[in-house]
C-alpha atoms as a PDB file:
ATOM      1  CA  UNK A   1       7.091  -0.753  -0.621  1.00  0.00           C
ATOM      2  CA  UNK A   2       8.611   2.314  -2.029  1.00  0.00           C
ATOM      3  CA  UNK A   3      10.006   4.716   0.671  1.00  0.00           C
ATOM      4  CA  UNK A   4      11.346   8.525   0.013  1.00  0.00           C
ATOM      5  CA  UNK A   5      12.658  11.343   1.712  1.00  0.00           C
ATOM      6  CA  UNK A   6      12.076  15.034   0.931  1.00  0.00           C
ATOM      7  CA  UNK A   7      13.822  17.060   3.437  1.00  0.00           C
ATOM      8  CA  UNK A   8      15.924  20.007   2.623  1.00  0.00           C
ATOM      9  CA  UNK A   9      18.713  18.773   0.361  1.00  0.00           C
ATOM     10  CA  UNK A  10      17.761  15.009   0.859  1.00  0.00           C
ATOM     11  CA  UNK A  11      15.185  14.413  -1.847  1.00  0.00           C
ATOM     12  CA  UNK A  12      15.612  10.832  -2.783  1.00  0.00           C
ATOM     13  CA  UNK A  13      14.269   7.245  -2.779  1.00  0.00           C
ATOM     14  CA  UNK A  14      14.643   5.563   0.752  1.00  0.00           C
ATOM     15  CA  UNK A  15      14.485   7.083   4.017  1.00  0.00           C
ATOM     16  CA  UNK A  16      17.486   9.292   5.352  1.00  0.00           C
ATOM     17  CA  UNK A  17      19.768   8.071   8.157  1.00  0.00           C
ATOM     18  CA  UNK A  18      18.497   9.766  11.312  1.00  0.00           C
ATOM     19  CA  UNK A  19      21.994  10.946  12.092  1.00  0.00           C
ATOM     20  CA  UNK A  20      22.043  13.028   8.770  1.00  0.00           C
ATOM     21  CA  UNK A  21      18.796  14.896  10.156  1.00  0.00           C
ATOM     22  CA  UNK A  22      20.290  15.833  13.485  1.00  0.00           C
ATOM     23  CA  UNK A  23      21.652  19.332  12.454  1.00  0.00           C
ATOM     24  CA  UNK A  24      18.075  20.404  11.576  1.00  0.00           C
ATOM     25  CA  UNK A  25      16.788  19.664  14.899  1.00  0.00           C
ATOM     26  CA  UNK A  26      19.577  20.655  17.276  1.00  0.00           C
ATOM     27  CA  UNK A  27      21.152  23.763  15.456  1.00  0.00           C
ATOM     28  CA  UNK A  28      21.772  26.749  17.592  1.00  0.00           C
ATOM     29  CA  UNK A  29      18.750  28.840  18.455  1.00  0.00           C
ATOM     30  CA  UNK A  30      17.271  30.575  15.425  1.00  0.00           C
ATOM     31  CA  UNK A  31      19.127  28.125  13.137  1.00  0.00           C
ATOM     32  CA  UNK A  32      17.133  25.016  13.644  1.00  0.00           C
ATOM     33  CA  UNK A  33      15.296  23.570  10.529  1.00  0.00           C
ATOM     34  CA  UNK A  34      16.134  24.995   7.009  1.00  0.00           C
ATOM     35  CA  UNK A  35      16.815  28.445   8.407  1.00  0.00           C
ATOM     36  CA  UNK A  36      18.739  29.574   5.150  1.00  0.00           C
ATOM     37  CA  UNK A  37      16.371  28.279   2.468  1.00  0.00           C
ATOM     38  CA  UNK A  38      12.905  29.230   1.246  1.00  0.00           C
ATOM     39  CA  UNK A  39      11.093  26.030   2.542  1.00  0.00           C
ATOM     40  CA  UNK A  40       9.894  24.956   5.901  1.00  0.00           C
ATOM     41  CA  UNK A  41       8.151  21.737   5.078  1.00  0.00           C
ATOM     42  CA  UNK A  42       9.671  18.088   4.957  1.00  0.00           C
ATOM     43  CA  UNK A  43       8.233  14.654   4.734  1.00  0.00           C
ATOM     44  CA  UNK A  44       8.891  10.966   4.972  1.00  0.00           C
ATOM     45  CA  UNK A  45       6.592   8.674   2.864  1.00  0.00           C
ATOM     46  CA  UNK A  46       5.966   5.306   1.787  1.00  0.00           C
ATOM     47  CA  UNK A  47       3.708   3.913  -0.992  1.00  0.00           C
ATOM     48  CA  UNK A  48       2.441   0.216  -0.919  1.00  0.00           C
ATOM     49  CA  UNK A  49       2.377  -0.850   2.726  1.00  0.00           C
ATOM     50  CA  UNK A  50       1.460  -4.384   3.552  1.00  0.00           C
ATOM     51  CA  UNK A  51       2.159  -5.784   0.072  1.00  0.00           C
ATOM     52  CA  UNK A  52       0.002  -3.412  -1.608  1.00  0.00           C
ATOM     53  CA  UNK A  53       2.686  -1.818  -3.796  1.00  0.00           C
ATOM     54  CA  UNK A  54       0.912  -3.054  -7.123  1.00  0.00           C
ATOM     55  CA  UNK A  55      -2.558  -2.042  -6.127  1.00  0.00           C
ATOM     56  CA  UNK A  56      -4.373   0.842  -7.732  1.00  0.00           C
ATOM     57  CA  UNK A  57      -4.073   4.070  -5.412  1.00  0.00           C
ATOM     58  CA  UNK A  58      -6.750   5.716  -7.440  1.00  0.00           C
ATOM     59  CA  UNK A  59      -9.135   2.911  -6.430  1.00  0.00           C
ATOM     60  CA  UNK A  60      -7.943   3.296  -2.935  1.00  0.00           C
ATOM     61  CA  UNK A  61      -6.430  -0.276  -2.651  1.00  0.00           C
ATOM     62  CA  UNK A  62      -2.794   0.858  -2.159  1.00  0.00           C
ATOM     63  CA  UNK A  63      -1.930   1.744   1.425  1.00  0.00           C
ATOM     64  CA  UNK A  64       0.352   5.032   1.779  1.00  0.00           C
ATOM     65  CA  UNK A  65       2.086   6.513   4.392  1.00  0.00           C
ATOM     66  CA  UNK A  66       3.275  10.259   4.920  1.00  0.00           C
ATOM     67  CA  UNK A  67       5.040  11.848   8.024  1.00  0.00           C
ATOM     68  CA  UNK A  68       4.887  15.529   6.994  1.00  0.00           C
ATOM     69  CA  UNK A  69       6.642  18.279   9.022  1.00  0.00           C
ATOM     70  CA  UNK A  70       6.806  21.964   9.170  1.00  0.00           C
ATOM     71  CA  UNK A  71       9.414  23.364  11.234  1.00  0.00           C
ATOM     72  CA  UNK A  72       9.803  26.942  12.545  1.00  0.00           C
ATOM     73  CA  UNK A  73      12.902  28.360  14.159  1.00  0.00           C
ATOM     74  CA  UNK A  74      12.238  29.472  17.726  1.00  0.00           C
ATOM     75  CA  UNK A  75       8.999  27.564  17.794  1.00  0.00           C
ATOM     76  CA  UNK A  76       9.659  23.718  16.914  1.00  0.00           C
ATOM     77  CA  UNK A  77       7.942  21.360  14.586  1.00  0.00           C
ATOM     78  CA  UNK A  78       4.487  20.370  13.627  1.00  0.00           C
ATOM     79  CA  UNK A  79       4.235  16.653  12.535  1.00  0.00           C
ATOM     80  CA  UNK A  80       1.193  15.295  10.703  1.00  0.00           C
ATOM     81  CA  UNK A  81       1.185  11.435  10.335  1.00  0.00           C
ATOM     82  CA  UNK A  82      -1.334   9.958   7.559  1.00  0.00           C
ATOM     83  CA  UNK A  83      -1.924   6.399   6.846  1.00  0.00           C
ATOM     84  CA  UNK A  84      -4.513   5.865   4.026  1.00  0.00           C
ATOM     85  CA  UNK A  85      -5.850   3.304   1.569  1.00  0.00           C
ATOM     86  CA  UNK A  86      -7.217   0.088   1.783  1.00  0.00           C
ATOM     87  CA  UNK A  87      -9.070   0.257   5.385  1.00  0.00           C
ATOM     88  CA  UNK A  88      -6.907   2.791   6.493  1.00  0.00           C
ATOM     89  CA  UNK A  89      -7.914   6.537   7.062  1.00  0.00           C
ATOM     90  CA  UNK A  90      -5.470   7.477   9.982  1.00  0.00           C
ATOM     91  CA  UNK A  91      -4.249  10.984  10.625  1.00  0.00           C
ATOM     92  CA  UNK A  92      -2.589  12.218  13.677  1.00  0.00           C
ATOM     93  CA  UNK A  93      -0.824  15.667  14.459  1.00  0.00           C
ATOM     94  CA  UNK A  94       1.775  16.124  17.240  1.00  0.00           C
ATOM     95  CA  UNK A  95       0.374  17.269  20.597  1.00  0.00           C
ATOM     96  CA  UNK A  96       1.861  20.762  21.794  1.00  0.00           C
ATOM     97  CA  UNK A  97       0.424  23.363  24.094  1.00  0.00           C
ATOM     98  CA  UNK A  98      -3.091  22.769  23.391  1.00  0.00           C
ATOM     99  CA  UNK A  99      -3.986  26.144  25.129  1.00  0.00           C
ATOM    100  CA  UNK A 100      -2.584  27.674  22.125  1.00  0.00           C
ATOM    101  CA  UNK A 101      -4.383  25.691  19.578  1.00  0.00           C
ATOM    102  CA  UNK A 102      -6.428  29.164  18.403  1.00  0.00           C
ATOM    103  CA  UNK A 103      -3.166  30.774  17.696  1.00  0.00           C
ATOM    104  CA  UNK A 104      -1.629  30.391  14.068  1.00  0.00           C
ATOM    105  CA  UNK A 105       1.701  31.080  12.367  1.00  0.00           C
ATOM    106  CA  UNK A 106       1.979  31.144   8.529  1.00  0.00           C
ATOM    107  CA  UNK A 107       4.123  28.650   6.918  1.00  0.00           C
ATOM    108  CA  UNK A 108       6.296  29.871   3.897  1.00  0.00           C
ATOM    109  CA  UNK A 109       3.580  28.589   1.636  1.00  0.00           C
ATOM    110  CA  UNK A 110       1.192  30.769   3.725  1.00  0.00           C
ATOM    111  CA  UNK A 111      -0.772  27.935   5.101  1.00  0.00           C
ATOM    112  CA  UNK A 112      -2.018  28.879   8.609  1.00  0.00           C
ATOM    113  CA  UNK A 113      -0.578  26.327  11.112  1.00  0.00           C
ATOM    114  CA  UNK A 114      -1.791  26.188  14.799  1.00  0.00           C
ATOM    115  CA  UNK A 115       0.846  27.001  17.305  1.00  0.00           C
ATOM    116  CA  UNK A 116      -0.639  24.361  19.750  1.00  0.00           C
ATOM    117  CA  UNK A 117       0.670  21.598  17.530  1.00  0.00           C
ATOM    118  CA  UNK A 118       4.207  22.453  17.502  1.00  0.00           C
ATOM    119  CA  UNK A 119       6.597  20.414  19.555  1.00  0.00           C
ATOM    120  CA  UNK A 120      10.449  21.459  20.674  1.00  0.00           C
ATOM    121  CA  UNK A 121      12.817  20.428  17.927  1.00  0.00           C
ATOM    122  CA  UNK A 122      14.698  17.684  20.071  1.00  0.00           C
ATOM    123  CA  UNK A 123      11.132  15.892  20.637  1.00  0.00           C
ATOM    124  CA  UNK A 124      10.405  15.934  17.147  1.00  0.00           C
ATOM    125  CA  UNK A 125      13.657  14.640  16.287  1.00  0.00           C
ATOM    126  CA  UNK A 126      13.054  11.524  18.384  1.00  0.00           C
ATOM    127  CA  UNK A 127       9.657  10.995  16.712  1.00  0.00           C
ATOM    128  CA  UNK A 128      11.302  11.178  13.150  1.00  0.00           C
ATOM    129  CA  UNK A 129      14.000   8.829  14.396  1.00  0.00           C
ATOM    130  CA  UNK A 130      11.701   6.407  15.918  1.00  0.00           C
ATOM    131  CA  UNK A 131       9.404   6.561  12.765  1.00  0.00           C
ATOM    132  CA  UNK A 132      12.305   5.517  10.446  1.00  0.00           C
ATOM    133  CA  UNK A 133      13.629   2.848  13.000  1.00  0.00           C
ATOM    134  CA  UNK A 134      10.358   1.237  13.235  1.00  0.00           C
ATOM    135  CA  UNK A 135       9.457   1.285   9.566  1.00  0.00           C
ATOM    136  CA  UNK A 136       6.864   3.958   9.617  1.00  0.00           C
ATOM    137  CA  UNK A 137       5.022   3.132  12.725  1.00  0.00           C
ATOM    138  CA  UNK A 138       3.380   6.025  14.602  1.00  0.00           C
ATOM    139  CA  UNK A 139       6.178   6.889  17.096  1.00  0.00           C
ATOM    140  CA  UNK A 140       5.369   6.563  20.739  1.00  0.00           C
ATOM    141  CA  UNK A 141       7.798   9.014  22.150  1.00  0.00           C
ATOM    142  CA  UNK A 142       5.484  11.880  21.634  1.00  0.00           C
ATOM    143  CA  UNK A 143       1.833  12.664  22.206  1.00  0.00           C
ATOM    144  CA  UNK A 144      -0.503  12.738  19.451  1.00  0.00           C
ATOM    145  CA  UNK A 145      -3.973  13.872  18.869  1.00  0.00           C
ATOM    146  CA  UNK A 146      -6.324  12.282  16.176  1.00  0.00           C
ATOM    147  CA  UNK A 147      -7.024  14.857  13.592  1.00  0.00           C
ATOM    148  CA  UNK A 148     -10.903  13.728  13.900  1.00  0.00           C
ATOM    149  CA  UNK A 149     -10.675  14.936  17.568  1.00  0.00           C
ATOM    150  CA  UNK A 150      -9.388  18.523  16.768  1.00  0.00           C
ATOM    151  CA  UNK A 151     -11.739  21.295  16.921  1.00  0.00           C
ATOM    152  CA  UNK A 152     -13.397  22.685  13.781  1.00  0.00           C
ATOM    153  CA  UNK A 153     -11.365  25.494  12.455  1.00  0.00           C
ATOM    154  CA  UNK A 154      -8.155  24.116  13.817  1.00  0.00           C
ATOM    155  CA  UNK A 155      -6.713  24.026  10.268  1.00  0.00           C
ATOM    156  CA  UNK A 156      -8.423  27.164   8.669  1.00  0.00           C
ATOM    157  CA  UNK A 157      -8.437  27.922   4.968  1.00  0.00           C
ATOM    158  CA  UNK A 158      -5.324  29.743   3.856  1.00  0.00           C
END
């Protein structure tokens, strides 16, 4: 299995040590995440789970995994967990204040993101830490909503 981290200055093979990511989640108010850069997305990924690293991903036989994150100072982090390939087609998003599901903020890439799926920075850190420590399992320390159970239009076209 090949793993990599794409998280601010950490862009390398393997997953970052959770302690190295702490400052992004526990910065002073307004200085969480990548508050000085031009990016608000991050991710931890793995290719070739369950011994499928030599399988053809175009044929859908290789199993891959992504934990994608969008962080916004003052709001928190939206996490998206995707496992796909082989017999897997799983997608779960962090569950925040669902009464705000029809409110959107724009990412720096101009994608509309539902406010109701953002969770506080400390909770997001615990989920990222658990993801790394359990070698890519869906973290149990936060609530998730299956993307197939989200109402239509939750993620509108940019």
